[in-house]
C-alpha atoms as a PDB file:
ATOM      1  CA  MET A   1      -7.341 -30.266  27.005  1.00  0.00           C
ATOM      2  CA  THR A   2      -4.733 -27.473  26.096  1.00  0.00           C
ATOM      3  CA  LEU A   3      -3.612 -27.100  22.556  1.00  0.00           C
ATOM      4  CA  TYR A   4      -0.334 -25.350  21.826  1.00  0.00           C
ATOM      5  CA  THR A   5       0.011 -23.421  18.632  1.00  0.00           C
ATOM      6  CA  SER A   6       2.939 -23.902  16.304  1.00  0.00           C
ATOM      7  CA  ALA A   7       2.444 -20.809  14.103  1.00  0.00           C
ATOM      8  CA  THR A   8       3.157 -22.654  10.832  1.00  0.00           C
ATOM      9  CA  ALA A   9       1.068 -22.422   7.720  1.00  0.00           C
ATOM     10  CA  GLN A  10       0.947 -26.289   7.552  1.00  0.00           C
ATOM     11  CA  ASP A  11      -0.563 -26.514  10.995  1.00  0.00           C
ATOM     12  CA  ARG A  12      -3.089 -23.842  10.308  1.00  0.00           C
ATOM     13  CA  LYS A  13      -4.113 -25.784   7.206  1.00  0.00           C
ATOM     14  CA  PHE A  14      -5.076 -28.812   9.168  1.00  0.00           C
ATOM     15  CA  ALA A  15      -6.459 -26.788  12.116  1.00  0.00           C
ATOM     16  CA  ASP A  16     -10.115 -27.754  11.291  1.00  0.00           C
ATOM     17  CA  THR A  17      -9.272 -31.470  11.702  1.00  0.00           C
ATOM     18  CA  TRP A  18      -7.813 -31.134  15.324  1.00  0.00           C
ATOM     19  CA  PRO A  19      -9.957 -32.163  18.318  1.00  0.00           C
ATOM     20  CA  GLN A  20     -11.860 -29.258  19.798  1.00  0.00           C
ATOM     21  CA  SER A  21     -10.166 -27.792  22.832  1.00  0.00           C
ATOM     22  CA  THR A  22     -11.465 -25.788  25.846  1.00  0.00           C
ATOM     23  CA  GLU A  23      -8.442 -23.588  25.891  1.00  0.00           C
ATOM     24  CA  ILE A  24      -5.929 -22.446  23.260  1.00  0.00           C
ATOM     25  CA  VAL A  25      -2.652 -21.103  24.665  1.00  0.00           C
ATOM     26  CA  ASP A  26      -0.412 -18.989  22.385  1.00  0.00           C
ATOM     27  CA  TYR A  27       3.195 -19.219  23.569  1.00  0.00           C
ATOM     28  CA  ALA A  28       4.006 -15.899  22.215  1.00  0.00           C
ATOM     29  CA  ASN A  29       1.073 -13.816  23.563  1.00  0.00           C
ATOM     30  CA  GLU A  30      -0.326 -16.178  26.394  1.00  0.00           C
ATOM     31  CA  VAL A  31      -3.810 -15.490  25.223  1.00  0.00           C
ATOM     32  CA  THR A  32      -6.587 -17.869  26.240  1.00  0.00           C
ATOM     33  CA  MET A  33     -10.108 -18.263  24.904  1.00  0.00           C
ATOM     34  CA  ASN A  34     -11.420 -17.014  28.169  1.00  0.00           C
ATOM     35  CA  ASN A  35      -9.494 -13.814  27.964  1.00  0.00           C
ATOM     36  CA  ARG A  36     -10.254 -12.531  24.388  1.00  0.00           C
ATOM     37  CA  PRO A  37     -10.852  -8.937  23.257  1.00  0.00           C
ATOM     38  CA  GLU A  38     -14.404  -7.981  22.866  1.00  0.00           C
ATOM     39  CA  GLU A  39     -16.014  -8.572  19.480  1.00  0.00           C
ATOM     40  CA  THR A  40     -16.741  -5.420  17.218  1.00  0.00           C
ATOM     41  CA  TYR A  41     -19.650  -5.018  14.921  1.00  0.00           C
ATOM     42  CA  LEU A  42     -20.164  -3.215  11.680  1.00  0.00           C
ATOM     43  CA  GLY A  43     -23.736  -2.885  10.178  1.00  0.00           C
ATOM     44  CA  VAL A  44     -23.947  -3.340   6.479  1.00  0.00           C
ATOM     45  CA  ILE A  45     -26.810  -2.383   4.140  1.00  0.00           C
ATOM     46  CA  VAL A  46     -26.811  -4.073   0.800  1.00  0.00           C
ATOM     47  CA  PRO A  47     -29.242  -3.979  -2.309  1.00  0.00           C
ATOM     48  CA  TYR A  48     -31.716  -6.936  -2.545  1.00  0.00           C
ATOM     49  CA  ASP A  49     -29.712  -8.441  -5.405  1.00  0.00           C
ATOM     50  CA  PHE A  50     -26.430  -8.412  -3.450  1.00  0.00           C
ATOM     51  CA  ALA A  51     -24.694 -11.950  -3.859  1.00  0.00           C
ATOM     52  CA  LEU A  52     -21.166 -11.481  -2.561  1.00  0.00           C
ATOM     53  CA  ASP A  53     -21.564 -11.735   1.210  1.00  0.00           C
ATOM     54  CA  ARG A  54     -18.453 -13.953   1.538  1.00  0.00           C
ATOM     55  CA  GLU A  55     -16.445 -11.513  -0.568  1.00  0.00           C
ATOM     56  CA  ILE A  56     -16.706  -8.609   1.730  1.00  0.00           C
ATOM     57  CA  TRP A  57     -15.529 -10.579   4.811  1.00  0.00           C
ATOM     58  CA  ARG A  58     -12.087 -10.935   3.170  1.00  0.00           C
ATOM     59  CA  TRP A  59     -11.240  -7.361   4.019  1.00  0.00           C
ATOM     60  CA  THR A  60     -12.138  -7.600   7.753  1.00  0.00           C
ATOM     61  CA  PRO A  61      -9.760  -8.504  10.684  1.00  0.00           C
ATOM     62  CA  LYS A  62     -10.566 -11.231  13.122  1.00  0.00           C
ATOM     63  CA  ARG A  63     -13.067 -10.347  15.870  1.00  0.00           C
ATOM     64  CA  LEU A  64     -14.865  -7.958  13.609  1.00  0.00           C
ATOM     65  CA  ASN A  65     -18.405  -9.095  12.645  1.00  0.00           C
ATOM     66  CA  LEU A  66     -20.454  -7.850   9.705  1.00  0.00           C
ATOM     67  CA  LEU A  67     -24.302  -7.594  10.371  1.00  0.00           C
ATOM     68  CA  ILE A  68     -25.861  -7.597   6.875  1.00  0.00           C
ATOM     69  CA  THR A  69     -29.310  -6.461   6.048  1.00  0.00           C
ATOM     70  CA  ARG A  70     -30.855  -6.071   2.531  1.00  0.00           C
ATOM     71  CA  THR A  71     -33.231  -3.428   0.963  1.00  0.00           C
ATOM     72  CA  PRO A  72     -36.737  -4.719   0.103  1.00  0.00           C
ATOM     73  CA  GLN A  73     -37.133  -6.692  -3.055  1.00  0.00           C
ATOM     74  CA  LEU A  74     -38.094  -4.612  -6.024  1.00  0.00           C
ATOM     75  CA  GLY A  75     -37.481  -6.974  -8.996  1.00  0.00           C
ATOM     76  CA  LEU A  76     -36.154  -4.133 -11.101  1.00  0.00           C
ATOM     77  CA  PRO A  77     -33.091  -4.387 -13.577  1.00  0.00           C
ATOM     78  CA  SER A  78     -29.914  -2.533 -12.655  1.00  0.00           C
ATOM     79  CA  THR A  79     -31.003   0.901 -13.963  1.00  0.00           C
ATOM     80  CA  VAL A  80     -31.262   4.431 -12.681  1.00  0.00           C
ATOM     81  CA  GLU A  81     -34.769   3.689 -11.451  1.00  0.00           C
ATOM     82  CA  MET A  82     -33.512   0.741  -9.308  1.00  0.00           C
ATOM     83  CA  ALA A  83     -30.610   2.850  -7.839  1.00  0.00           C
ATOM     84  CA  GLU A  84     -33.035   5.683  -6.954  1.00  0.00           C
ATOM     85  CA  ASN A  85     -35.503   3.269  -5.260  1.00  0.00           C
ATOM     86  CA  ILE A  86     -32.994   1.367  -3.194  1.00  0.00           C
ATOM     87  CA  SER A  87     -31.580   4.671  -1.868  1.00  0.00           C
ATOM     88  CA  SER A  88     -34.751   6.395  -0.767  1.00  0.00           C
ATOM     89  CA  ASP A  89     -34.828   7.997   2.646  1.00  0.00           C
ATOM     90  CA  GLU A  90     -37.335   5.662   3.986  1.00  0.00           C
ATOM     91  CA  THR A  91     -35.466   2.441   2.649  1.00  0.00           C
ATOM     92  CA  VAL A  92     -32.176   3.752   4.199  1.00  0.00           C
ATOM     93  CA  ARG A  93     -33.775   4.718   7.484  1.00  0.00           C
ATOM     94  CA  ASN A  94     -35.483   1.332   7.951  1.00  0.00           C
ATOM     95  CA  ALA A  95     -32.489  -0.677   6.992  1.00  0.00           C
ATOM     96  CA  THR A  96     -30.289   1.236   9.490  1.00  0.00           C
ATOM     97  CA  ARG A  97     -32.676   0.690  12.358  1.00  0.00           C
ATOM     98  CA  GLN A  98     -32.614  -3.076  11.575  1.00  0.00           C
ATOM     99  CA  LEU A  99     -28.907  -3.124  12.471  1.00  0.00           C
ATOM    100  CA  LEU A 100     -28.887  -1.252  15.774  1.00  0.00           C
ATOM    101  CA  THR A 101     -29.676  -3.903  18.280  1.00  0.00           C
ATOM    102  CA  THR A 102     -26.080  -5.082  18.716  1.00  0.00           C
ATOM    103  CA  GLU A 103     -24.746  -1.531  18.724  1.00  0.00           C
ATOM    104  CA  PRO A 104     -22.464  -1.630  15.646  1.00  0.00           C
ATOM    105  CA  ALA A 105     -19.464   0.729  15.634  1.00  0.00           C
ATOM    106  CA  ALA A 106     -20.697   2.012  12.253  1.00  0.00           C
ATOM    107  CA  VAL A 107     -23.132   1.259   9.525  1.00  0.00           C
ATOM    108  CA  VAL A 108     -22.123   1.239   5.876  1.00  0.00           C
ATOM    109  CA  TYR A 109     -24.552   1.553   2.887  1.00  0.00           C
ATOM    110  CA  LEU A 110     -22.794  -0.903   0.618  1.00  0.00           C
ATOM    111  CA  CYS A 111     -24.026  -0.061  -2.962  1.00  0.00           C
ATOM    112  CA  THR A 112     -22.144   2.141  -5.337  1.00  0.00           C
ATOM    113  CA  SER A 113     -24.933   3.205  -7.686  1.00  0.00           C
ATOM    114  CA  GLY A 114     -27.374   3.713  -4.910  1.00  0.00           C
ATOM    115  CA  SER A 115     -24.968   6.147  -3.132  1.00  0.00           C
ATOM    116  CA  PHE A 116     -23.854   8.119  -6.137  1.00  0.00           C
ATOM    117  CA  ILE A 117     -27.045   8.237  -8.178  1.00  0.00           C
ATOM    118  CA  LYS A 118     -28.305  11.475  -6.554  1.00  0.00           C
ATOM    119  CA  GLY A 119     -24.901  13.289  -6.676  1.00  0.00           C
ATOM    120  CA  PRO A 120     -22.762  14.469  -3.790  1.00  0.00           C
ATOM    121  CA  HIS A 121     -25.719  16.262  -2.108  1.00  0.00           C
ATOM    122  CA  GLY A 122     -27.584  12.881  -2.214  1.00  0.00           C
ATOM    123  CA  GLU A 123     -24.762  11.010  -0.688  1.00  0.00           C
ATOM    124  CA  ARG A 124     -24.485  13.537   2.229  1.00  0.00           C
ATOM    125  CA  GLN A 125     -28.297  13.240   2.707  1.00  0.00           C
ATOM    126  CA  MET A 126     -28.079   9.529   2.770  1.00  0.00           C
ATOM    127  CA  ARG A 127     -25.509   9.601   5.749  1.00  0.00           C
ATOM    128  CA  SER A 128     -27.601  12.189   7.487  1.00  0.00           C
ATOM    129  CA  VAL A 129     -30.624   9.920   7.326  1.00  0.00           C
ATOM    130  CA  MET A 130     -28.522   6.950   8.624  1.00  0.00           C
ATOM    131  CA  GLN A 131     -27.280   8.977  11.592  1.00  0.00           C
ATOM    132  CA  GLU A 132     -30.798  10.317  12.436  1.00  0.00           C
ATOM    133  CA  ALA A 133     -31.863   6.698  12.442  1.00  0.00           C
ATOM    134  CA  GLY A 134     -29.409   5.968  15.225  1.00  0.00           C
ATOM    135  CA  THR A 135     -26.135   4.905  13.964  1.00  0.00           C
ATOM    136  CA  PRO A 136     -23.116   6.752  15.482  1.00  0.00           C
ATOM    137  CA  ILE A 137     -21.093   6.672  12.257  1.00  0.00           C
ATOM    138  CA  ALA A 138     -22.481   6.368   8.749  1.00  0.00           C
ATOM    139  CA  VAL A 139     -20.369   5.461   5.577  1.00  0.00           C
ATOM    140  CA  THR A 140     -21.427   4.891   1.925  1.00  0.00           C
ATOM    141  CA  THR A 141     -19.608   3.304  -0.859  1.00  0.00           C
ATOM    142  CA  ALA A 142     -19.560   6.510  -2.915  1.00  0.00           C
ATOM    143  CA  GLY A 143     -18.328   8.568   0.005  1.00  0.00           C
ATOM    144  CA  ALA A 144     -15.737   5.952   0.700  1.00  0.00           C
ATOM    145  CA  LEU A 145     -14.427   6.264  -2.767  1.00  0.00           C
ATOM    146  CA  ILE A 146     -13.888   9.996  -2.440  1.00  0.00           C
ATOM    147  CA  GLU A 147     -12.186   9.349   0.916  1.00  0.00           C
ATOM    148  CA  ALA A 148      -9.847   6.826  -0.534  1.00  0.00           C
ATOM    149  CA  CYS A 149      -9.017   9.180  -3.383  1.00  0.00           C
ATOM    150  CA  THR A 150      -8.158  11.946  -0.887  1.00  0.00           C
ATOM    151  CA  ALA A 151      -5.994   9.521   1.215  1.00  0.00           C
ATOM    152  CA  LEU A 152      -4.015   8.384  -1.713  1.00  0.00           C
ATOM    153  CA  GLY A 153      -3.665  11.808  -3.439  1.00  0.00           C
ATOM    154  CA  ILE A 154      -5.766  10.656  -6.463  1.00  0.00           C
ATOM    155  CA  ARG A 155      -6.841  13.442  -8.757  1.00  0.00           C
ATOM    156  CA  LYS A 156      -7.535  11.586 -11.939  1.00  0.00           C
ATOM    157  CA  ILE A 157      -9.229   8.211 -12.202  1.00  0.00           C
ATOM    158  CA  ALA A 158     -10.285   5.680 -14.776  1.00  0.00           C
ATOM    159  CA  LEU A 159     -13.598   3.841 -14.360  1.00  0.00           C
ATOM    160  CA  ALA A 160     -14.367   0.091 -15.028  1.00  0.00           C
ATOM    161  CA  THR A 161     -18.146  -0.581 -14.494  1.00  0.00           C
ATOM    162  CA  PRO A 162     -20.637  -3.354 -15.355  1.00  0.00           C
ATOM    163  CA  TYR A 163     -23.318  -0.716 -15.781  1.00  0.00           C
ATOM    164  CA  ILE A 164     -25.423   0.486 -18.673  1.00  0.00           C
ATOM    165  CA  ALA A 165     -24.169   3.935 -20.061  1.00  0.00           C
ATOM    166  CA  SER A 166     -26.741   5.921 -18.056  1.00  0.00           C
ATOM    167  CA  ILE A 167     -25.511   4.732 -14.687  1.00  0.00           C
ATOM    168  CA  THR A 168     -21.855   4.956 -15.724  1.00  0.00           C
ATOM    169  CA  ASP A 169     -22.523   8.544 -16.718  1.00  0.00           C
ATOM    170  CA  LYS A 170     -24.117   9.251 -13.303  1.00  0.00           C
ATOM    171  CA  LEU A 171     -20.853   7.996 -11.614  1.00  0.00           C
ATOM    172  CA  ARG A 172     -18.684  10.193 -13.857  1.00  0.00           C
ATOM    173  CA  SER A 173     -20.910  13.289 -12.915  1.00  0.00           C
ATOM    174  CA  TYR A 174     -20.577  12.411  -9.164  1.00  0.00           C
ATOM    175  CA  LEU A 175     -16.821  12.148  -9.300  1.00  0.00           C
ATOM    176  CA  GLU A 176     -16.401  15.307 -11.210  1.00  0.00           C
ATOM    177  CA  GLU A 177     -18.726  17.182  -8.800  1.00  0.00           C
ATOM    178  CA  SER A 178     -16.498  15.867  -6.212  1.00  0.00           C
ATOM    179  CA  GLU A 179     -13.334  17.282  -7.839  1.00  0.00           C
ATOM    180  CA  VAL A 180     -12.050  13.951  -9.109  1.00  0.00           C
ATOM    181  CA  ALA A 181     -11.379  13.982 -12.927  1.00  0.00           C
ATOM    182  CA  VAL A 182     -12.317  10.934 -14.936  1.00  0.00           C
ATOM    183  CA  THR A 183      -9.829  10.114 -17.524  1.00  0.00           C
ATOM    184  CA  SER A 184     -11.751   7.249 -19.216  1.00  0.00           C
ATOM    185  CA  SER A 185     -14.609   4.860 -18.535  1.00  0.00           C
ATOM    186  CA  ILE A 186     -15.874   1.589 -19.884  1.00  0.00           C
ATOM    187  CA  GLY A 187     -19.007  -0.391 -18.942  1.00  0.00           C
ATOM    188  CA  LEU A 188     -20.317  -3.826 -19.636  1.00  0.00           C
ATOM    189  CA  GLY A 189     -23.889  -2.768 -20.254  1.00  0.00           C
ATOM    190  CA  ARG A 190     -25.226  -5.349 -17.872  1.00  0.00           C
ATOM    191  CA  GLU A 191     -28.767  -4.817 -16.302  1.00  0.00           C
ATOM    192  CA  ASP A 192     -29.002  -7.985 -14.241  1.00  0.00           C
ATOM    193  CA  ARG A 193     -26.966 -10.844 -12.675  1.00  0.00           C
ATOM    194  CA  ILE A 194     -23.830  -8.726 -12.318  1.00  0.00           C
ATOM    195  CA  TRP A 195     -22.481 -11.167  -9.642  1.00  0.00           C
ATOM    196  CA  GLN A 196     -22.039 -13.740 -12.459  1.00  0.00           C
ATOM    197  CA  VAL A 197     -19.379 -11.748 -14.219  1.00  0.00           C
ATOM    198  CA  SER A 198     -16.203 -13.851 -14.114  1.00  0.00           C
ATOM    199  CA  GLU A 199     -13.060 -12.699 -12.605  1.00  0.00           C
ATOM    200  CA  GLU A 200     -11.268 -13.055 -15.885  1.00  0.00           C
ATOM    201  CA  ARG A 201     -13.789 -10.715 -17.505  1.00  0.00           C
ATOM    202  CA  ILE A 202     -13.322  -8.202 -14.787  1.00  0.00           C
ATOM    203  CA  ARG A 203      -9.576  -8.359 -15.149  1.00  0.00           C
ATOM    204  CA  GLU A 204     -10.058  -7.684 -18.996  1.00  0.00           C
ATOM    205  CA  LEU A 205     -12.411  -4.845 -18.109  1.00  0.00           C
ATOM    206  CA  VAL A 206      -9.835  -3.074 -15.842  1.00  0.00           C
ATOM    207  CA  LEU A 207      -7.095  -3.432 -18.370  1.00  0.00           C
ATOM    208  CA  ASP A 208      -9.257  -1.940 -21.046  1.00  0.00           C
ATOM    209  CA  ALA A 209     -10.280   0.881 -18.784  1.00  0.00           C
ATOM    210  CA  ASP A 210      -6.770   1.947 -17.898  1.00  0.00           C
ATOM    211  CA  HIS A 211      -5.548   5.284 -19.157  1.00  0.00           C
ATOM    212  CA  PRO A 212      -1.942   6.851 -19.052  1.00  0.00           C
ATOM    213  CA  ASP A 213      -3.139   9.898 -17.235  1.00  0.00           C
ATOM    214  CA  ALA A 214      -5.138   8.005 -14.600  1.00  0.00           C
ATOM    215  CA  ASP A 215      -3.593   7.936 -11.100  1.00  0.00           C
ATOM    216  CA  ALA A 216      -5.794   4.884 -10.244  1.00  0.00           C
ATOM    217  CA  ILE A 217      -8.615   2.632 -11.541  1.00  0.00           C
ATOM    218  CA  PHE A 218     -11.913   2.214  -9.754  1.00  0.00           C
ATOM    219  CA  VAL A 219     -13.871  -0.897 -10.233  1.00  0.00           C
ATOM    220  CA  SER A 220     -17.496   0.111  -9.439  1.00  0.00           C
ATOM    221  CA  CYS A 221     -20.379  -2.119  -8.244  1.00  0.00           C
ATOM    222  CA  THR A 222     -20.423  -4.125  -5.082  1.00  0.00           C
ATOM    223  CA  ASN A 223     -21.612  -7.201  -6.922  1.00  0.00           C
ATOM    224  CA  LEU A 224     -18.278  -7.639  -8.797  1.00  0.00           C
ATOM    225  CA  ARG A 225     -15.892 -10.121  -7.263  1.00  0.00           C
ATOM    226  CA  THR A 226     -12.552  -8.271  -7.065  1.00  0.00           C
ATOM    227  CA  TYR A 227     -10.520  -9.231  -3.988  1.00  0.00           C
ATOM    228  CA  ALA A 228      -8.302 -11.831  -5.656  1.00  0.00           C
ATOM    229  CA  LEU A 229      -7.645  -9.602  -8.566  1.00  0.00           C
ATOM    230  CA  ILE A 230      -6.355  -6.355  -6.921  1.00  0.00           C
ATOM    231  CA  ARG A 231      -2.703  -7.279  -6.113  1.00  0.00           C
ATOM    232  CA  GLU A 232      -1.973  -8.722  -9.559  1.00  0.00           C
ATOM    233  CA  LEU A 233      -3.627  -5.796 -11.425  1.00  0.00           C
ATOM    234  CA  GLU A 234      -1.674  -3.295  -9.186  1.00  0.00           C
ATOM    235  CA  ALA A 235       1.534  -5.141 -10.054  1.00  0.00           C
ATOM    236  CA  ASP A 236       0.760  -5.162 -13.831  1.00  0.00           C
ATOM    237  CA  LEU A 237      -0.417  -1.550 -14.088  1.00  0.00           C
ATOM    238  CA  GLY A 238       1.707   0.079 -11.429  1.00  0.00           C
ATOM    239  CA  LYS A 239      -1.131   2.037  -9.828  1.00  0.00           C
ATOM    240  CA  PRO A 240      -3.789   1.632  -7.135  1.00  0.00           C
ATOM    241  CA  ILE A 241      -6.820  -0.392  -8.009  1.00  0.00           C
ATOM    242  CA  LEU A 242      -9.874   0.680  -5.904  1.00  0.00           C
ATOM    243  CA  THR A 243     -12.909  -1.479  -5.821  1.00  0.00           C
ATOM    244  CA  ALA A 244     -16.439  -0.809  -4.424  1.00  0.00           C
ATOM    245  CA  ASN A 245     -16.346  -3.401  -1.537  1.00  0.00           C
ATOM    246  CA  GLN A 246     -12.771  -2.603  -0.773  1.00  0.00           C
ATOM    247  CA  VAL A 247     -13.201   1.061  -0.221  1.00  0.00           C
ATOM    248  CA  SER A 248     -16.401   0.595   1.691  1.00  0.00           C
ATOM    249  CA  ILE A 249     -15.073  -1.824   4.358  1.00  0.00           C
ATOM    250  CA  TRP A 250     -11.760   0.110   4.535  1.00  0.00           C
ATOM    251  CA  ALA A 251     -13.700   3.432   5.130  1.00  0.00           C
ATOM    252  CA  ALA A 252     -15.969   1.958   7.707  1.00  0.00           C
ATOM    253  CA  MET A 253     -13.040   0.461   9.739  1.00  0.00           C
ATOM    254  CA  ARG A 254     -11.244   3.779   9.483  1.00  0.00           C
ATOM    255  CA  ALA A 255     -14.178   5.844  10.639  1.00  0.00           C
ATOM    256  CA  ALA A 256     -14.929   3.503  13.539  1.00  0.00           C
ATOM    257  CA  GLY A 257     -11.280   3.402  14.710  1.00  0.00           C
ATOM    258  CA  ILE A 258     -10.912  -0.341  13.982  1.00  0.00           C
ATOM    259  CA  LYS A 259      -7.351  -1.389  13.266  1.00  0.00           C
ATOM    260  CA  GLN A 260      -7.187  -2.445   9.628  1.00  0.00           C
ATOM    261  CA  PRO A 261      -5.822  -5.869   8.718  1.00  0.00           C
ATOM    262  CA  ASP A 262      -2.400  -6.243   6.975  1.00  0.00           C
ATOM    263  CA  ILE A 263      -3.709  -6.596   3.454  1.00  0.00           C
ATOM    264  CA  LYS A 264      -1.229  -6.193   0.554  1.00  0.00           C
ATOM    265  CA  GLN A 265      -3.302  -3.884  -1.484  1.00  0.00           C
ATOM    266  CA  ARG A 266      -2.181  -0.345  -2.096  1.00  0.00           C
ATOM    267  CA  LEU A 267      -5.185   1.155  -0.389  1.00  0.00           C
ATOM    268  CA  PHE A 268      -4.294  -0.599   2.828  1.00  0.00           C
ATOM    269  CA  ILE A 269      -0.443  -0.255   2.473  1.00  0.00           C
ATOM    270  CA  ASP A 270      -0.388   3.368   1.727  1.00  0.00           C
ATOM    271  CA  THR A 271      -2.832   4.212   4.552  1.00  0.00           C
ATOM    272  CA  TRP A 272      -1.377   1.714   7.115  1.00  0.00           C
ATOM    273  CA  GLN A 273      -2.155   2.745  10.743  1.00  0.00           C
ATOM    274  CA  GLY A 274      -0.555  -0.275  12.499  1.00  0.00           C
ATOM    275  CA  LYS A 275       2.600  -0.469  14.617  1.00  0.00           C
ATOM    276  CA  ARG A 276       4.912  -1.930  12.038  1.00  0.00           C
ATOM    277  CA  ARG A 277       4.908   0.916   9.484  1.00  0.00           C
ATOM    278  CA  ASN A 278       3.244   4.207   8.725  1.00  0.00           C
ATOM    279  CA  GLY A 279       3.367   3.779   4.929  1.00  0.00           C
ATOM    280  CA  PRO A 280       4.913   1.761   2.077  1.00  0.00           C
ATOM    281  CA  SER A 281       8.583   1.297   2.254  1.00  0.00           C
ATOM    282  CA  LYS A 282      10.521   1.201  -1.010  1.00  0.00           C
ATOM    283  CA  THR A 283      11.194  -2.451  -0.455  1.00  0.00           C
ATOM    284  CA  THR A 284       7.570  -3.196   0.061  1.00  0.00           C
ATOM    285  CA  VAL A 285       6.545  -1.410  -3.108  1.00  0.00           C
ATOM    286  CA  ALA A 286       9.313  -3.307  -5.053  1.00  0.00           C
ATOM    287  CA  ALA A 287       8.067  -6.658  -3.782  1.00  0.00           C
ATOM    288  CA  LEU A 288       4.522  -5.820  -4.803  1.00  0.00           C
ATOM    289  CA  GLU A 289       5.657  -4.884  -8.196  1.00  0.00           C
ATOM    290  CA  SER A 290       7.354  -8.274  -8.483  1.00  0.00           C
ATOM    291  CA  GLN A 291       4.236 -10.154  -7.529  1.00  0.00           C
ATOM    292  CA  ARG A 292       3.341 -11.060 -11.027  1.00  0.00           C
ATOM    293  CA  PHE A 293       5.972 -13.658 -10.984  1.00  0.00           C
ATOM    294  CA  THR A 294       4.765 -15.345  -7.870  1.00  0.00           C
ATOM    295  CA  LEU A 295       1.072 -14.766  -7.526  1.00  0.00           C
ATOM    296  CA  HIS A 296       0.085 -18.069  -9.235  1.00  0.00           C
ATOM    297  CA  ALA A 297       2.224 -20.281  -7.003  1.00  0.00           C
ATOM    298  CA  SER A 298       0.287 -23.289  -5.746  1.00  0.00           C
ATOM    299  CA  GLN A 299       1.553 -22.868  -2.136  1.00  0.00           C
ATOM    300  CA  PRO A 300       1.896 -19.665   0.027  1.00  0.00           C
ATOM    301  CA  GLU A 301       5.310 -18.165  -0.437  1.00  0.00           C
ATOM    302  CA  VAL A 302       6.935 -15.419   1.723  1.00  0.00           C
ATOM    303  CA  LEU A 303       9.146 -12.761   0.228  1.00  0.00           C
ATOM    304  CA  ARG A 304      11.451 -11.032   2.660  1.00  0.00           C
ATOM    305  CA  CYS A 305      12.669  -7.663   1.531  1.00  0.00           C
ATOM    306  CA  GLY A 306      14.797  -5.760   3.898  1.00  0.00           C
ATOM    307  CA  GLY A 307      12.762  -5.253   7.052  1.00  0.00           C
ATOM    308  CA  ASP A 308       9.414  -5.881   5.354  1.00  0.00           C
ATOM    309  CA  VAL A 309       7.500  -9.231   4.907  1.00  0.00           C
ATOM    310  CA  VAL A 310       5.324  -9.526   1.845  1.00  0.00           C
ATOM    311  CA  GLU A 311       3.424 -12.795   1.423  1.00  0.00           C
ATOM    312  CA  THR A 312       1.989 -14.162  -1.813  1.00  0.00           C
ATOM    313  CA  PRO A 313      -1.479 -15.856  -1.826  1.00  0.00           C
ATOM    314  CA  ASN A 314      -2.159 -19.550  -2.116  1.00  0.00           C
ATOM    315  CA  ASP A 315      -3.952 -21.102  -4.959  1.00  0.00           C
ATOM    316  CA  ARG A 316      -7.248 -19.995  -3.535  1.00  0.00           C
ATOM    317  CA  GLY A 317      -6.269 -16.284  -3.453  1.00  0.00           C
ATOM    318  CA  GLU A 318      -6.037 -16.385   0.396  1.00  0.00           C
ATOM    319  CA  HIS A 319      -3.284 -14.568   2.252  1.00  0.00           C
ATOM    320  CA  VAL A 320      -1.423 -16.241   4.963  1.00  0.00           C
ATOM    321  CA  SER A 321       0.725 -13.847   7.144  1.00  0.00           C
ATOM    322  CA  PRO A 322       3.775 -15.255   8.813  1.00  0.00           C
ATOM    323  CA  ASP A 323       2.917 -13.557  12.062  1.00  0.00           C
ATOM    324  CA  GLU A 324      -0.483 -15.145  12.427  1.00  0.00           C
ATOM    325  CA  THR A 325      -0.221 -17.577  15.333  1.00  0.00           C
ATOM    326  CA  GLU A 326      -3.819 -18.272  16.200  1.00  0.00           C
ATOM    327  CA  VAL A 327      -5.076 -21.730  15.287  1.00  0.00           C
ATOM    328  CA  GLY A 328      -8.720 -22.789  14.442  1.00  0.00           C
ATOM    329  CA  VAL A 329     -10.147 -19.360  15.248  1.00  0.00           C
ATOM    330  CA  GLU A 330     -12.252 -17.815  12.407  1.00  0.00           C
ATOM    331  CA  GLN A 331     -12.843 -14.170  11.934  1.00  0.00           C
END
């Protein structure tokens, strides 16, 4: 059976209910299931208490697979002691080796506190250990943050964290040693179950952390759910919102030479490496700033501004790009 795609959002909505086909033909690209590009893999090391596996997939393009492994269970609260233990050389080395069977393009250590707790020298040491263990490319969340700041020209940053004061202070020191000034910081004082912090509370935290002198705001901790908040906060505050999972996956794809997805977040827009544009046009930025009026629409809506297309999310916070023509194919 051959199934012809129609490239409409309504068709994609009901794709899961269609009969399974042995061949999918796309009129525009004439791609068949038997002639698809080879899949790519990224290895991901997360702390034992990481709870947002589905969240990090939202920054990935189709045909990029994430291979996730966890550090050993320690049963410690989210303190300096925990951050130091989950980032030991032995832990990082063993976790990296667990991911190498399928030859991932890169391995990313996806934990903010674990990668900044020992300062810039400790972050570089962590990447060295990962490469010695066998990965061709090593990325850490803390290192990805500095790379994102460099790419966006960010010299001053505000911090929003779920941490207790001692860990937030370590993050401030890491950034200042990396020549990124911290204008302000605020933490929730949480030592456990950080993944249970609501999106509304995270939004309030970011708004409270903002400072007039800050070029951007960084939301620390990979256990905070942030994907659906970034566009609205960037529109409200008029500056980039960087988050731990966002910068980690972005930097890993960038380092591995993987084409980034067309995500309407400043980090992705301003560092776009695709064919359609090399940076944000004035019309794109203007459209993003107007998102506060359309972000809560119950159905996907497309804004056309000059030559750029900017889509708004549906009521689940998902993005449907008008040029996506594949049907029933998951990432």
